[in-house]
N, C-alpha and C. Protein backbone atom coordinates (compact mmCIF):
# COMPACT_ATOMS: atom_id res chain seq x y z
N MET A 1 27.63 19.02 -35.61
CA MET A 1 26.31 19.37 -35.47
C MET A 1 26.03 20.08 -34.15
N ALA A 2 25.51 21.24 -34.10
CA ALA A 2 25.30 21.97 -33.00
C ALA A 2 23.95 21.59 -32.28
N THR A 3 23.95 21.53 -30.93
CA THR A 3 22.73 21.22 -30.21
C THR A 3 22.24 22.49 -29.57
N GLN A 4 20.97 22.47 -29.39
CA GLN A 4 20.29 23.76 -28.83
C GLN A 4 20.51 23.68 -27.26
N ALA A 5 20.56 24.71 -26.66
CA ALA A 5 20.66 24.86 -25.14
C ALA A 5 19.24 24.76 -24.54
N ARG A 6 19.11 24.01 -23.48
CA ARG A 6 17.88 23.84 -22.78
C ARG A 6 17.90 24.28 -21.37
N ASP A 7 16.78 24.91 -20.85
CA ASP A 7 16.84 25.30 -19.56
C ASP A 7 16.65 24.13 -18.63
N ILE A 8 17.41 24.02 -17.57
CA ILE A 8 17.35 22.99 -16.59
C ILE A 8 16.36 23.38 -15.51
N PRO A 9 15.42 22.63 -15.16
CA PRO A 9 14.42 23.06 -14.06
C PRO A 9 15.16 23.29 -12.81
N SER A 10 14.73 24.31 -12.04
CA SER A 10 15.33 24.63 -10.81
C SER A 10 14.99 23.59 -9.80
N ILE A 11 15.71 23.54 -8.74
CA ILE A 11 15.42 22.51 -7.65
C ILE A 11 13.98 22.72 -7.12
N ASP A 12 13.55 24.07 -6.91
CA ASP A 12 12.20 24.19 -6.46
C ASP A 12 11.13 23.57 -7.38
N THR A 13 11.36 23.69 -8.72
CA THR A 13 10.36 23.14 -9.63
C THR A 13 10.35 21.68 -9.49
N LEU A 14 11.61 20.97 -9.38
CA LEU A 14 11.67 19.57 -9.28
C LEU A 14 11.00 19.13 -8.02
N SER A 15 11.19 19.78 -6.80
CA SER A 15 10.70 19.23 -5.63
C SER A 15 9.23 19.41 -5.56
N ARG A 16 8.65 20.37 -6.27
CA ARG A 16 7.09 20.44 -6.34
C ARG A 16 6.57 19.38 -7.07
N THR A 17 7.19 18.80 -8.08
CA THR A 17 6.63 17.84 -8.96
C THR A 17 6.64 16.40 -8.33
N VAL A 18 7.57 16.20 -7.26
CA VAL A 18 7.65 14.94 -6.67
C VAL A 18 7.30 14.84 -5.15
N SER A 19 6.77 15.98 -4.73
CA SER A 19 6.60 16.03 -3.19
C SER A 19 5.16 15.67 -2.88
N ASN A 20 4.44 14.94 -3.68
CA ASN A 20 3.07 14.63 -3.25
C ASN A 20 3.21 13.45 -2.20
N SER A 21 2.44 13.58 -1.08
CA SER A 21 2.41 12.47 -0.21
C SER A 21 1.01 12.15 0.15
N PHE A 22 0.60 10.91 0.35
CA PHE A 22 -0.58 10.47 0.61
C PHE A 22 -0.67 9.66 1.91
N ASP A 23 -1.77 9.90 2.59
CA ASP A 23 -1.97 9.18 3.90
C ASP A 23 -2.60 7.80 3.50
N LEU A 24 -2.01 6.71 4.05
CA LEU A 24 -2.53 5.43 3.79
C LEU A 24 -3.26 4.95 5.16
N SER A 25 -4.33 4.13 4.95
CA SER A 25 -5.00 3.66 6.07
C SER A 25 -5.45 2.22 5.85
N SER A 26 -5.46 1.52 6.95
CA SER A 26 -5.77 0.08 6.77
C SER A 26 -7.16 -0.08 7.36
N SER A 27 -7.83 1.03 7.63
CA SER A 27 -9.22 0.94 8.17
C SER A 27 -10.22 0.58 7.12
N PRO A 28 -11.10 -0.41 7.35
CA PRO A 28 -12.02 -0.85 6.38
C PRO A 28 -13.13 0.15 6.14
N THR A 29 -13.28 1.12 6.95
CA THR A 29 -14.34 2.26 6.84
C THR A 29 -13.72 3.60 6.37
N ALA A 30 -12.50 3.59 6.04
CA ALA A 30 -11.93 4.85 5.51
C ALA A 30 -12.39 5.20 4.13
N THR A 31 -12.22 6.37 3.68
CA THR A 31 -12.53 6.77 2.34
C THR A 31 -11.27 6.89 1.48
N PHE A 32 -11.47 6.80 0.25
CA PHE A 32 -10.29 6.69 -0.66
C PHE A 32 -10.41 7.91 -1.50
N ASN A 33 -9.27 8.71 -1.54
CA ASN A 33 -9.27 9.86 -2.40
C ASN A 33 -8.24 9.62 -3.55
N SER A 34 -8.63 9.79 -4.77
CA SER A 34 -7.73 9.52 -5.92
C SER A 34 -6.67 10.57 -5.88
N PRO A 35 -5.42 10.18 -6.27
CA PRO A 35 -4.31 11.09 -6.27
C PRO A 35 -4.52 12.10 -7.36
N PRO A 36 -3.82 13.30 -7.19
CA PRO A 36 -3.97 14.32 -8.21
C PRO A 36 -3.54 13.93 -9.59
N SER A 37 -4.05 14.49 -10.65
CA SER A 37 -3.73 14.15 -12.02
C SER A 37 -2.23 14.63 -12.28
N SER A 38 -1.47 13.83 -12.95
CA SER A 38 -0.15 14.24 -13.22
C SER A 38 0.01 14.93 -14.63
N PHE A 39 -1.15 15.17 -15.25
CA PHE A 39 -1.17 15.83 -16.58
C PHE A 39 -1.33 17.30 -16.47
N GLY A 40 -1.42 17.89 -15.38
CA GLY A 40 -1.42 19.36 -15.13
C GLY A 40 -2.78 19.90 -15.33
N GLY A 41 -3.86 19.07 -15.63
CA GLY A 41 -5.24 19.66 -15.76
C GLY A 41 -5.86 20.01 -14.47
N LEU A 42 -7.09 20.24 -14.49
CA LEU A 42 -7.82 20.51 -13.24
C LEU A 42 -7.88 19.25 -12.40
N ARG A 43 -7.77 19.52 -11.12
CA ARG A 43 -7.64 18.39 -10.23
C ARG A 43 -9.18 17.99 -9.84
N ARG A 44 -9.49 16.79 -10.11
CA ARG A 44 -10.83 16.26 -9.84
C ARG A 44 -10.67 15.36 -8.70
N VAL A 45 -11.45 15.66 -7.62
CA VAL A 45 -11.32 14.86 -6.36
C VAL A 45 -12.52 13.80 -6.47
N SER A 46 -12.09 12.54 -6.34
CA SER A 46 -13.09 11.46 -6.38
C SER A 46 -12.97 10.74 -5.07
N THR A 47 -14.11 10.71 -4.39
CA THR A 47 -14.12 9.94 -3.13
C THR A 47 -15.02 8.73 -3.19
N LYS A 48 -14.40 7.64 -2.72
CA LYS A 48 -15.00 6.30 -2.78
C LYS A 48 -15.12 5.78 -1.38
N GLN A 49 -16.36 5.49 -0.87
CA GLN A 49 -16.55 4.95 0.41
C GLN A 49 -16.26 3.42 0.35
N LEU A 50 -15.34 3.06 1.21
CA LEU A 50 -14.96 1.64 1.30
C LEU A 50 -15.91 0.91 2.07
N LYS A 51 -16.24 -0.22 1.65
CA LYS A 51 -17.17 -1.13 2.40
C LYS A 51 -16.53 -1.84 3.60
N PRO A 52 -17.08 -1.82 4.74
CA PRO A 52 -16.47 -2.49 5.90
C PRO A 52 -16.49 -3.98 5.62
N PHE A 53 -15.56 -4.67 6.28
CA PHE A 53 -15.50 -6.11 6.29
C PHE A 53 -15.08 -6.57 7.72
N ALA A 54 -15.46 -7.89 7.94
CA ALA A 54 -15.22 -8.43 9.29
C ALA A 54 -13.80 -9.03 9.21
N THR A 55 -12.83 -8.33 9.90
CA THR A 55 -11.47 -8.77 9.93
C THR A 55 -11.29 -10.15 10.61
N GLN A 56 -12.25 -10.50 11.49
CA GLN A 56 -12.11 -11.88 12.19
C GLN A 56 -12.35 -12.89 11.27
N ASP A 57 -12.87 -12.70 10.14
CA ASP A 57 -13.23 -13.77 9.10
C ASP A 57 -12.01 -13.99 8.21
N ILE A 58 -10.90 -13.12 8.26
CA ILE A 58 -9.86 -13.14 7.36
C ILE A 58 -8.62 -13.84 8.09
N LYS A 59 -8.10 -14.85 7.37
CA LYS A 59 -6.90 -15.57 7.86
C LYS A 59 -5.68 -15.03 7.14
N VAL A 60 -4.65 -14.79 8.00
CA VAL A 60 -3.35 -14.39 7.35
C VAL A 60 -2.32 -15.38 7.70
N LEU A 61 -1.60 -15.84 6.66
CA LEU A 61 -0.47 -16.74 6.88
C LEU A 61 0.83 -16.03 6.63
N LEU A 62 1.60 -15.86 7.69
CA LEU A 62 2.94 -15.18 7.57
C LEU A 62 4.05 -16.25 7.56
N LEU A 63 5.00 -16.10 6.56
CA LEU A 63 6.02 -16.96 6.50
C LEU A 63 7.41 -16.38 6.79
N GLU A 64 8.34 -17.13 6.90
CA GLU A 64 9.78 -16.68 7.10
C GLU A 64 10.01 -15.74 8.29
N ASN A 65 9.32 -16.06 9.41
CA ASN A 65 9.66 -15.48 10.69
C ASN A 65 9.42 -13.94 10.69
N VAL A 66 8.22 -13.54 10.29
CA VAL A 66 7.81 -12.12 10.25
C VAL A 66 7.93 -11.60 11.75
N ASN A 67 8.38 -10.43 11.83
CA ASN A 67 8.57 -9.79 13.17
C ASN A 67 7.34 -9.74 14.08
N GLN A 68 7.50 -9.83 15.31
CA GLN A 68 6.47 -10.03 16.24
C GLN A 68 5.54 -8.74 16.27
N THR A 69 6.03 -7.47 15.97
CA THR A 69 5.25 -6.36 15.95
C THR A 69 4.21 -6.41 14.86
N GLY A 70 4.70 -6.90 13.66
CA GLY A 70 3.84 -7.03 12.55
C GLY A 70 2.67 -7.96 12.85
N GLN A 71 3.01 -9.07 13.52
CA GLN A 71 2.02 -10.04 13.88
C GLN A 71 1.03 -9.46 14.87
N ALA A 72 1.54 -8.72 15.80
CA ALA A 72 0.73 -8.06 16.91
C ALA A 72 -0.22 -7.07 16.33
N ILE A 73 0.20 -6.32 15.29
CA ILE A 73 -0.64 -5.30 14.60
C ILE A 73 -1.85 -6.02 13.95
N LEU A 74 -1.50 -6.95 13.16
CA LEU A 74 -2.66 -7.80 12.53
C LEU A 74 -3.56 -8.38 13.49
N ARG A 75 -3.07 -9.00 14.53
CA ARG A 75 -3.93 -9.58 15.66
C ARG A 75 -4.86 -8.53 16.22
N ALA A 76 -4.23 -7.43 16.58
CA ALA A 76 -5.00 -6.35 17.22
C ALA A 76 -6.13 -5.81 16.37
N GLN A 77 -6.03 -5.88 14.99
CA GLN A 77 -7.08 -5.44 14.13
C GLN A 77 -8.06 -6.64 13.86
N GLY A 78 -7.84 -7.79 14.48
CA GLY A 78 -8.86 -8.84 14.53
C GLY A 78 -8.55 -9.99 13.57
N TYR A 79 -7.49 -9.91 12.75
CA TYR A 79 -7.23 -10.91 11.86
C TYR A 79 -6.82 -12.26 12.53
N GLN A 80 -7.04 -13.46 11.92
CA GLN A 80 -6.63 -14.67 12.45
C GLN A 80 -5.23 -14.95 11.85
N VAL A 81 -4.26 -14.85 12.71
CA VAL A 81 -2.84 -14.93 12.29
C VAL A 81 -2.17 -16.20 12.59
N GLU A 82 -1.60 -16.84 11.55
CA GLU A 82 -0.72 -18.02 11.77
C GLU A 82 0.68 -17.70 11.18
N PHE A 83 1.71 -17.97 11.93
CA PHE A 83 3.08 -17.71 11.36
C PHE A 83 3.99 -18.93 11.48
N LEU A 84 4.86 -19.04 10.58
CA LEU A 84 5.80 -20.08 10.47
C LEU A 84 7.21 -19.42 10.30
N LYS A 85 8.22 -20.05 10.99
CA LYS A 85 9.60 -19.43 10.89
C LYS A 85 10.26 -19.67 9.57
N ALA A 86 9.73 -20.59 8.74
CA ALA A 86 10.41 -20.82 7.43
C ALA A 86 9.41 -20.75 6.28
N SER A 87 9.83 -20.89 5.10
CA SER A 87 8.90 -20.95 3.89
C SER A 87 8.39 -22.37 3.78
N LEU A 88 7.48 -22.55 2.95
CA LEU A 88 6.92 -23.97 2.68
C LEU A 88 7.17 -24.27 1.20
N PRO A 89 7.36 -25.55 0.88
CA PRO A 89 7.49 -26.00 -0.37
C PRO A 89 6.07 -25.76 -1.12
N GLU A 90 6.19 -25.59 -2.48
CA GLU A 90 5.00 -25.20 -3.16
C GLU A 90 3.71 -26.04 -2.84
N ASP A 91 3.87 -27.37 -2.91
CA ASP A 91 2.77 -28.32 -2.53
C ASP A 91 2.15 -28.06 -1.23
N LYS A 92 2.96 -27.89 -0.23
CA LYS A 92 2.46 -27.60 1.14
C LYS A 92 1.78 -26.27 1.34
N LEU A 93 2.44 -25.24 0.53
CA LEU A 93 1.82 -23.95 0.67
C LEU A 93 0.47 -23.89 -0.01
N ILE A 94 0.27 -24.54 -1.16
CA ILE A 94 -1.01 -24.67 -1.76
C ILE A 94 -2.03 -25.33 -0.83
N GLU A 95 -1.65 -26.39 -0.25
CA GLU A 95 -2.48 -27.09 0.73
C GLU A 95 -2.94 -26.20 1.91
N LYS A 96 -1.90 -25.45 2.42
CA LYS A 96 -2.16 -24.59 3.56
C LYS A 96 -3.11 -23.45 3.27
N ILE A 97 -3.02 -22.97 2.13
CA ILE A 97 -3.98 -21.70 1.82
C ILE A 97 -5.24 -22.05 1.16
N ARG A 98 -5.48 -23.38 1.05
CA ARG A 98 -6.78 -23.76 0.51
C ARG A 98 -7.89 -23.26 1.45
């Protein structure tokens, strides 16, 4: 049984379809833009204003010796950070995050 020959997309075509990049922000006052449609239709831009929140009211528990830079970034943004060098058994973890 013979098969039909198909055109293979060029490298340029492939790179255009996967080269979308998006800026991510951890700012509570940033706006969110929906990614472009992958269906090839008209691109509809939707902007949603994010509601600010008080980072000092949010507690973060880091387990398994998270690196100091990560801890410092969270603290600098105002989060209450607690870290442990090891993981916790399920019962102690449930108690800790209550």
